[in-house]
C-alpha atoms as a PDB file:
ATOM      1  CA  MET A   1      45.959 107.880 109.739  1.00  0.00           C
ATOM      2  CA  THR A   2      46.560 105.262 106.860  1.00  0.00           C
ATOM      3  CA  SER A   3      49.830 107.418 105.952  1.00  0.00           C
ATOM      4  CA  GLU A   4      51.310 107.097 109.243  1.00  0.00           C
ATOM      5  CA  VAL A   5      50.093 103.874 109.302  1.00  0.00           C
ATOM      6  CA  LEU A   6      51.971 102.471 106.392  1.00  0.00           C
ATOM      7  CA  ARG A   7      54.900 104.824 107.167  1.00  0.00           C
ATOM      8  CA  ILE A   8      55.483 102.867 110.844  1.00  0.00           C
ATOM      9  CA  GLY A   9      54.188  99.522 109.458  1.00  0.00           C
ATOM     10  CA  LYS A  10      56.663  99.841 106.308  1.00  0.00           C
ATOM     11  CA  ARG A  11      59.614  97.128 106.422  1.00  0.00           C
ATOM     12  CA  VAL A  12      63.337  98.770 106.848  1.00  0.00           C
ATOM     13  CA  GLU A  13      65.374  96.699 104.353  1.00  0.00           C
ATOM     14  CA  LYS A  14      69.075  96.546 105.005  1.00  0.00           C
ATOM     15  CA  GLU A  15      71.180  97.574 102.858  1.00  0.00           C
ATOM     16  CA  LYS A  16      73.471  94.854 101.060  1.00  0.00           C
ATOM     17  CA  ARG A  17      76.952  95.888 101.028  1.00  0.00           C
ATOM     18  CA  ARG A  18      79.286  95.641  97.661  1.00  0.00           C
ATOM     19  CA  VAL A  19      82.154  94.151  95.904  1.00  0.00           C
ATOM     20  CA  ALA A  20      83.436  95.047  93.282  1.00  0.00           C
ATOM     21  CA  TRP A  21      85.047  91.623  91.118  1.00  0.00           C
ATOM     22  CA  GLY A  22      87.310  92.316  88.051  1.00  0.00           C
ATOM     23  CA  ILE A  23      87.936  90.472  85.656  1.00  0.00           C
ATOM     24  CA  THR A  24      91.222  90.826  83.281  1.00  0.00           C
ATOM     25  CA  GLY A  25      92.159  88.812  79.998  1.00  0.00           C
ATOM     26  CA  SER A  26      93.713  85.194  81.807  1.00  0.00           C
ATOM     27  CA  GLY A  27      92.197  82.297  81.393  1.00  0.00           C
ATOM     28  CA  ASP A  28      94.303  80.272  83.817  1.00  0.00           C
ATOM     29  CA  ARG A  29      92.447  79.539  86.770  1.00  0.00           C
ATOM     30  CA  LEU A  30      89.428  81.558  85.281  1.00  0.00           C
ATOM     31  CA  VAL A  31      87.169  78.482  85.599  1.00  0.00           C
ATOM     32  CA  GLU A  32      88.152  78.043  89.387  1.00  0.00           C
ATOM     33  CA  THR A  33      87.668  80.988  90.500  1.00  0.00           C
ATOM     34  CA  VAL A  34      84.028  81.818  88.151  1.00  0.00           C
ATOM     35  CA  GLU A  35      83.197  78.139  90.993  1.00  0.00           C
ATOM     36  CA  ILE A  36      84.710  79.809  93.915  1.00  0.00           C
ATOM     37  CA  MET A  37      82.641  82.799  93.511  1.00  0.00           C
ATOM     38  CA  LYS A  38      79.893  81.708  92.781  1.00  0.00           C
ATOM     39  CA  GLU A  39      79.962  79.432  96.137  1.00  0.00           C
ATOM     40  CA  ILE A  40      80.519  82.833  97.612  1.00  0.00           C
ATOM     41  CA  LYS A  41      77.848  85.035  96.253  1.00  0.00           C
ATOM     42  CA  LYS A  42      75.074  81.859  97.809  1.00  0.00           C
ATOM     43  CA  ARG A  43      76.931  81.973 101.176  1.00  0.00           C
ATOM     44  CA  TYR A  44      77.052  85.988 100.870  1.00  0.00           C
ATOM     45  CA  GLN A  45      73.534  86.664  98.713  1.00  0.00           C
ATOM     46  CA  ASN A  46      71.732  88.542 101.579  1.00  0.00           C
ATOM     47  CA  ASN A  47      73.387  90.633 102.718  1.00  0.00           C
ATOM     48  CA  VAL A  48      76.806  91.693  99.654  1.00  0.00           C
ATOM     49  CA  ASP A  49      76.102  92.250  95.803  1.00  0.00           C
ATOM     50  CA  VAL A  50      78.995  90.862  93.621  1.00  0.00           C
ATOM     51  CA  ILE A  51      79.602  93.958  91.032  1.00  0.00           C
ATOM     52  CA  VAL A  52      81.153  91.780  88.288  1.00  0.00           C
ATOM     53  CA  TYR A  53      83.899  94.108  85.698  1.00  0.00           C
ATOM     54  CA  LEU A  54      84.824  92.800  82.807  1.00  0.00           C
ATOM     55  CA  SER A  55      88.472  94.154  81.171  1.00  0.00           C
ATOM     56  CA  LYS A  56      87.840  94.476  77.280  1.00  0.00           C
ATOM     57  CA  ALA A  57      90.243  91.165  77.020  1.00  0.00           C
ATOM     58  CA  GLY A  58      88.523  89.902  79.898  1.00  0.00           C
ATOM     59  CA  GLU A  59      85.577  89.703  77.994  1.00  0.00           C
ATOM     60  CA  GLN A  60      87.066  88.035  75.246  1.00  0.00           C
ATOM     61  CA  VAL A  61      88.313  85.401  77.398  1.00  0.00           C
ATOM     62  CA  ALA A  62      85.321  84.424  79.468  1.00  0.00           C
ATOM     63  CA  ARG A  63      83.534  84.045  75.959  1.00  0.00           C
ATOM     64  CA  TRP A  64      86.547  82.252  75.354  1.00  0.00           C
ATOM     65  CA  TYR A  65      86.039  79.861  78.239  1.00  0.00           C
ATOM     66  CA  ARG A  66      82.115  80.223  77.692  1.00  0.00           C
ATOM     67  CA  LEU A  67      81.889  81.805  80.662  1.00  0.00           C
ATOM     68  CA  VAL A  68      79.799  84.922  80.187  1.00  0.00           C
ATOM     69  CA  ASN A  69      76.673  83.699  80.648  1.00  0.00           C
ATOM     70  CA  GLU A  70      76.745  82.318  83.837  1.00  0.00           C
ATOM     71  CA  LEU A  71      78.444  85.042  85.288  1.00  0.00           C
ATOM     72  CA  LYS A  72      75.605  87.237  84.528  1.00  0.00           C
ATOM     73  CA  ASP A  73      72.742  84.015  85.476  1.00  0.00           C
ATOM     74  CA  ASN A  74      74.798  83.971  89.271  1.00  0.00           C
ATOM     75  CA  PHE A  75      75.698  87.884  89.476  1.00  0.00           C
ATOM     76  CA  ASP A  76      74.045  91.559  90.168  1.00  0.00           C
ATOM     77  CA  ARG A  77      74.919  92.692  87.934  1.00  0.00           C
ATOM     78  CA  VAL A  78      78.169  92.166  85.001  1.00  0.00           C
ATOM     79  CA  TRP A  79      79.858  95.795  83.288  1.00  0.00           C
ATOM     80  CA  VAL A  80      81.980  95.423  80.067  1.00  0.00           C
ATOM     81  CA  GLU A  81      84.961  97.760  80.033  1.00  0.00           C
ATOM     82  CA  ILE A  82      84.434 100.454  77.248  1.00  0.00           C
ATOM     83  CA  ASN A  83      86.996 102.501  78.611  1.00  0.00           C
ATOM     84  CA  ALA A  84      89.642 103.342  81.615  1.00  0.00           C
ATOM     85  CA  ASN A  85      86.452 105.832  83.332  1.00  0.00           C
ATOM     86  CA  SER A  86      83.198 103.818  82.032  1.00  0.00           C
ATOM     87  CA  PRO A  87      81.669 102.667  83.937  1.00  0.00           C
ATOM     88  CA  PHE A  88      83.071 104.888  86.099  1.00  0.00           C
ATOM     89  CA  LEU A  89      83.979 102.092  88.671  1.00  0.00           C
ATOM     90  CA  ALA A  90      87.034 104.432  89.718  1.00  0.00           C
ATOM     91  CA  GLY A  91      85.055 107.012  91.170  1.00  0.00           C
ATOM     92  CA  GLU A  92      82.333 105.086  92.884  1.00  0.00           C
ATOM     93  CA  LEU A  93      85.624 102.611  94.538  1.00  0.00           C
ATOM     94  CA  GLN A  94      86.760 106.094  95.764  1.00  0.00           C
ATOM     95  CA  THR A  95      83.198 107.404  97.157  1.00  0.00           C
ATOM     96  CA  ARG A  96      83.266 104.031  99.435  1.00  0.00           C
ATOM     97  CA  LYS A  97      80.840 102.724  97.765  1.00  0.00           C
ATOM     98  CA  PHE A  98      82.280  98.682  97.444  1.00  0.00           C
ATOM     99  CA  GLU A  99      83.413  97.405 100.358  1.00  0.00           C
ATOM    100  CA  PHE A 100      87.076  96.402  98.384  1.00  0.00           C
ATOM    101  CA  LEU A 101      88.870  95.500  94.642  1.00  0.00           C
ATOM    102  CA  LEU A 102      88.902  91.924  94.268  1.00  0.00           C
ATOM    103  CA  ILE A 103      91.158  91.461  90.136  1.00  0.00           C
ATOM    104  CA  ALA A 104      91.144  87.778  89.875  1.00  0.00           C
ATOM    105  CA  PRO A 105      92.357  86.958  88.015  1.00  0.00           C
ATOM    106  CA  ALA A 106      95.360  89.306  87.052  1.00  0.00           C
ATOM    107  CA  THR A 107      97.391  89.121  83.984  1.00  0.00           C
ATOM    108  CA  SER A 108     101.110  90.083  83.964  1.00  0.00           C
ATOM    109  CA  ASN A 109      99.820  93.283  82.076  1.00  0.00           C
ATOM    110  CA  THR A 110      97.252  94.029  85.071  1.00  0.00           C
ATOM    111  CA  VAL A 111     100.233  93.718  87.460  1.00  0.00           C
ATOM    112  CA  ALA A 112     102.342  95.597  85.984  1.00  0.00           C
ATOM    113  CA  LYS A 113     100.584  98.423  84.668  1.00  0.00           C
ATOM    114  CA  ILE A 114      99.050  98.511  88.454  1.00  0.00           C
ATOM    115  CA  SER A 115     102.603  98.935  90.428  1.00  0.00           C
ATOM    116  CA  MET A 116     103.888 101.146  87.920  1.00  0.00           C
ATOM    117  CA  GLY A 117     100.996 103.438  88.105  1.00  0.00           C
ATOM    118  CA  ILE A 118      99.544 103.454  84.727  1.00  0.00           C
ATOM    119  CA  ALA A 119      95.867 104.450  85.046  1.00  0.00           C
ATOM    120  CA  ASP A 120      94.380 103.811  81.414  1.00  0.00           C
ATOM    121  CA  THR A 121      92.301 100.503  81.798  1.00  0.00           C
ATOM    122  CA  LEU A 122      89.278 100.610  83.552  1.00  0.00           C
ATOM    123  CA  LEU A 123      90.743  97.759  86.153  1.00  0.00           C
ATOM    124  CA  CYS A 124      93.608 100.152  86.403  1.00  0.00           C
ATOM    125  CA  ASN A 125      92.449 102.734  86.672  1.00  0.00           C
ATOM    126  CA  ALA A 126      90.129 101.604  89.235  1.00  0.00           C
ATOM    127  CA  ALA A 127      92.649 100.368  91.598  1.00  0.00           C
ATOM    128  CA  ILE A 128      94.723 103.604  91.277  1.00  0.00           C
ATOM    129  CA  MET A 129      91.748 105.370  92.472  1.00  0.00           C
ATOM    130  CA  GLY A 130      90.753 103.046  94.970  1.00  0.00           C
ATOM    131  CA  LEU A 131      94.854 102.730  96.964  1.00  0.00           C
ATOM    132  CA  LYS A 132      94.127 106.390  96.978  1.00  0.00           C
ATOM    133  CA  ALA A 133      91.353 106.479  98.935  1.00  0.00           C
ATOM    134  CA  PHE A 134      92.073 103.914 101.069  1.00  0.00           C
ATOM    135  CA  VAL A 135      89.763 101.040  99.113  1.00  0.00           C
ATOM    136  CA  PRO A 136      91.875  97.389  99.773  1.00  0.00           C
ATOM    137  CA  VAL A 137      92.116  95.939  97.056  1.00  0.00           C
ATOM    138  CA  TYR A 138      93.093  92.691  96.421  1.00  0.00           C
ATOM    139  CA  ILE A 139      95.073  90.671  93.227  1.00  0.00           C
ATOM    140  CA  MET A 140      95.525  86.639  92.272  1.00  0.00           C
ATOM    141  CA  PRO A 141      98.746  87.404  89.794  1.00  0.00           C
ATOM    142  CA  SER A 142      97.995  84.841  86.435  1.00  0.00           C
ATOM    143  CA  ASP A 143     102.163  85.022  87.203  1.00  0.00           C
ATOM    144  CA  TYR A 144     102.753  84.209  90.505  1.00  0.00           C
ATOM    145  CA  ARG A 145     105.864  82.915  91.198  1.00  0.00           C
ATOM    146  CA  GLU A 146     108.678  82.369  88.591  1.00  0.00           C
ATOM    147  CA  GLY A 147     108.853  78.938  86.728  1.00  0.00           C
ATOM    148  CA  ILE A 148     107.003  76.660  84.346  1.00  0.00           C
ATOM    149  CA  ILE A 149     102.786  76.601  84.765  1.00  0.00           C
ATOM    150  CA  VAL A 150     100.213  74.400  83.225  1.00  0.00           C
ATOM    151  CA  THR A 151      97.195  75.506  82.940  1.00  0.00           C
ATOM    152  CA  LYS A 152      94.125  73.985  80.867  1.00  0.00           C
ATOM    153  CA  LEU A 153      92.448  75.570  77.372  1.00  0.00           C
ATOM    154  CA  PRO A 154      88.614  75.337  77.177  1.00  0.00           C
ATOM    155  CA  ASN A 155      89.019  72.389  74.866  1.00  0.00           C
ATOM    156  CA  GLY A 156      90.167  70.335  77.995  1.00  0.00           C
ATOM    157  CA  ARG A 157      94.245  70.678  76.378  1.00  0.00           C
ATOM    158  CA  ASP A 158      96.635  71.466  78.812  1.00  0.00           C
ATOM    159  CA  LEU A 159      99.356  74.532  77.678  1.00  0.00           C
ATOM    160  CA  LYS A 160     102.967  74.810  79.237  1.00  0.00           C
ATOM    161  CA  LEU A 161     103.457  78.280  79.952  1.00  0.00           C
ATOM    162  CA  ARG A 162     106.772  80.092  81.688  1.00  0.00           C
ATOM    163  CA  ILE A 163     106.225  82.315  84.669  1.00  0.00           C
ATOM    164  CA  ARG A 164     109.419  85.080  83.806  1.00  0.00           C
ATOM    165  CA  LYS A 165     111.255  86.581  86.517  1.00  0.00           C
ATOM    166  CA  GLU A 166     110.177  90.209  85.158  1.00  0.00           C
ATOM    167  CA  ASP A 167     106.875  89.219  85.810  1.00  0.00           C
ATOM    168  CA  VAL A 168     107.403  88.252  89.302  1.00  0.00           C
ATOM    169  CA  GLU A 169     109.274  91.013  90.024  1.00  0.00           C
ATOM    170  CA  HIS A 170     106.074  93.758  89.473  1.00  0.00           C
ATOM    171  CA  VAL A 171     103.846  91.006  92.299  1.00  0.00           C
ATOM    172  CA  LYS A 172     106.402  91.881  94.304  1.00  0.00           C
ATOM    173  CA  LYS A 173     106.006  95.557  93.582  1.00  0.00           C
ATOM    174  CA  LEU A 174     102.552  95.443  94.418  1.00  0.00           C
ATOM    175  CA  ALA A 175     102.950  93.017  97.724  1.00  0.00           C
ATOM    176  CA  SER A 176     104.919  96.208  99.088  1.00  0.00           C
ATOM    177  CA  MET A 177     102.731  98.315  98.257  1.00  0.00           C
ATOM    178  CA  ASP A 178      99.704  99.552 101.067  1.00  0.00           C
ATOM    179  CA  ASP A 179      96.173  98.137 100.452  1.00  0.00           C
ATOM    180  CA  VAL A 180      97.170  95.747  97.840  1.00  0.00           C
ATOM    181  CA  LEU A 181      96.889  92.679  99.134  1.00  0.00           C
ATOM    182  CA  ILE A 182      98.149  89.498  97.164  1.00  0.00           C
ATOM    183  CA  LEU A 183      96.486  86.042  96.233  1.00  0.00           C
ATOM    184  CA  GLU A 184      98.014  83.225  94.777  1.00  0.00           C
ATOM    185  CA  LYS A 185      95.062  80.868  94.631  1.00  0.00           C
ATOM    186  CA  PRO A 186      91.447  81.190  93.787  1.00  0.00           C
ATOM    187  CA  GLU A 187      90.445  79.167  97.455  1.00  0.00           C
ATOM    188  CA  GLU A 188      92.162  82.322  99.331  1.00  0.00           C
ATOM    189  CA  ILE A 189      89.777  84.483  98.608  1.00  0.00           C
ATOM    190  CA  TYR A 190      87.195  82.750 101.022  1.00  0.00           C
ATOM    191  CA  GLN A 191      89.674  83.971 103.936  1.00  0.00           C
ATOM    192  CA  VAL A 192      89.195  87.544 101.478  1.00  0.00           C
ATOM    193  CA  PHE A 193      85.452  87.565 102.568  1.00  0.00           C
ATOM    194  CA  LYS A 194      85.036  85.843 105.972  1.00  0.00           C
ATOM    195  CA  GLU A 195      87.550  88.675 107.090  1.00  0.00           C
ATOM    196  CA  HIS A 196      85.163  91.691 106.105  1.00  0.00           C
ATOM    197  CA  PHE A 197      82.298  89.807 106.538  1.00  0.00           C
ATOM    198  CA  LYS A 198      80.621  88.998 110.481  1.00  0.00           C
ATOM    199  CA  PRO A 199      80.272  84.736 110.209  1.00  0.00           C
ATOM    200  CA  GLU A 200      75.849  85.174 110.253  1.00  0.00           C
ATOM    201  CA  GLU A 201      76.180  87.355 107.575  1.00  0.00           C
ATOM    202  CA  ALA A 202      77.094  83.543 105.602  1.00  0.00           C
ATOM    203  CA  GLN A 203      74.633  80.787 104.704  1.00  0.00           C
ATOM    204  CA  GLY A 204      77.579  78.189 105.348  1.00  0.00           C
ATOM    205  CA  LYS A 205      80.825  77.962 106.908  1.00  0.00           C
ATOM    206  CA  THR A 206      83.984  79.882 105.296  1.00  0.00           C
END
């Protein structure tokens, strides 16, 4: 009798949906992306878990910008790449454990490898395997448009960089692939979450 009452009276909590956020070794717009993802996490905290996956270079750059502790303090879990299959993100994407994969920012190296089907790193392998299972992959390339850009170093100084046409060609190739969606700037991530999750799942307006 007692166990029956406990069973009936037990509160069943709604299982949260999960998003995989990959960070590669690009410092360009990394700080801005982290700030936007922190805001998104707050808005959807009751319904969405955001799991962070740092590439080996991504961890180095995150440490350079002093963001590692900030990531650990604000997100549900932070994993660091060991090899292409560890942690086993590719398998979890293929079994639909995640709503989608977001790679932001994505280095020109990561963009080129995904566009050519090279799966020798954690995030490249995850993206390619996820796409085979019809999982949406959102990518924000660091090298989006040919020309000159200015980015900020951790010490606040400006760094001028040239975006090569060869790197932009890989972005164009990615944009033509099924289930790959290219983001130009961090602010566009708000719309990604809005499209995947109902308005009532957010704690504020997007």
